[in-house]
Amino acid sequence: MVALGVILLIIGFLTGVSILWTIGIILLVIGAVLWLMGSMGHAVAGRRHYW
């Protein structure tokens, strides 16, 4: 999810499409939160680890 967010940020920045930029930021934030929760040992969406 983090990688997809970064890819959308780059594509949105290069093409000037603001919706891709916005979706990229949202995916990046959600991915970072899930990654932090998974690394702290919390079960995320039924998984013990989230990469």
Protein backbone atom coordinates (compact mmCIF):
# COMPACT_ATOMS: atom_id res chain seq x y z
CA MET A 1 0.00 0.00 0.00
CA VAL A 2 2.89 2.32 0.77
CA ALA A 3 4.54 1.54 -2.56
CA LEU A 4 1.30 2.15 -4.45
CA GLY A 5 0.89 5.48 -2.65
CA VAL A 6 4.39 6.57 -3.65
CA ILE A 7 3.82 5.51 -7.26
CA LEU A 8 0.56 7.46 -7.44
CA LEU A 9 2.24 10.51 -5.89
CA ILE A 10 4.95 10.44 -8.53
CA ILE A 11 2.53 9.91 -11.42
CA GLY A 12 0.20 12.62 -10.11
CA PHE A 13 3.08 15.06 -9.73
CA LEU A 14 4.50 14.39 -13.19
CA THR A 15 1.17 14.52 -15.03
CA GLY A 16 -0.42 17.28 -12.96
CA VAL A 17 -3.50 15.21 -12.12
CA SER A 18 -4.50 16.29 -8.63
CA ILE A 19 -6.78 13.31 -7.88
CA LEU A 20 -3.84 10.92 -8.24
CA TRP A 21 -1.83 13.13 -5.89
CA THR A 22 -4.65 13.05 -3.31
CA ILE A 23 -5.20 9.30 -3.54
CA GLY A 24 -1.44 8.74 -3.29
CA ILE A 25 -1.24 10.75 -0.06
CA ILE A 26 -4.21 8.89 1.43
CA LEU A 27 -2.75 5.47 0.55
CA LEU A 28 0.65 6.46 1.88
CA VAL A 29 -0.80 7.56 5.23
CA ILE A 30 -3.00 4.47 5.60
CA GLY A 31 -0.11 2.19 4.66
CA ALA A 32 2.20 3.87 7.16
CA VAL A 33 -0.37 3.55 9.96
CA LEU A 34 -0.96 -0.14 9.20
CA TRP A 35 2.77 -0.75 9.01
CA LEU A 36 3.36 0.90 12.39
CA MET A 37 0.51 -0.99 14.02
CA GLY A 38 1.76 -4.29 12.63
CA SER A 39 5.33 -3.65 13.74
CA MET A 40 4.16 -2.84 17.28
CA GLY A 41 2.59 -6.30 17.58
CA HIS A 42 -1.05 -5.33 17.16
CA ALA A 43 -3.16 -7.60 15.00
CA VAL A 44 -4.25 -5.64 11.93
CA ALA A 45 -7.29 -6.91 9.99
CA GLY A 46 -6.85 -10.38 11.44
CA ARG A 47 -3.14 -10.56 10.61
CA ARG A 48 -0.40 -10.69 13.19
CA HIS A 49 2.11 -8.97 10.88
CA TYR A 50 1.51 -6.42 8.16
CA TRP A 51 4.32 -5.66 5.69
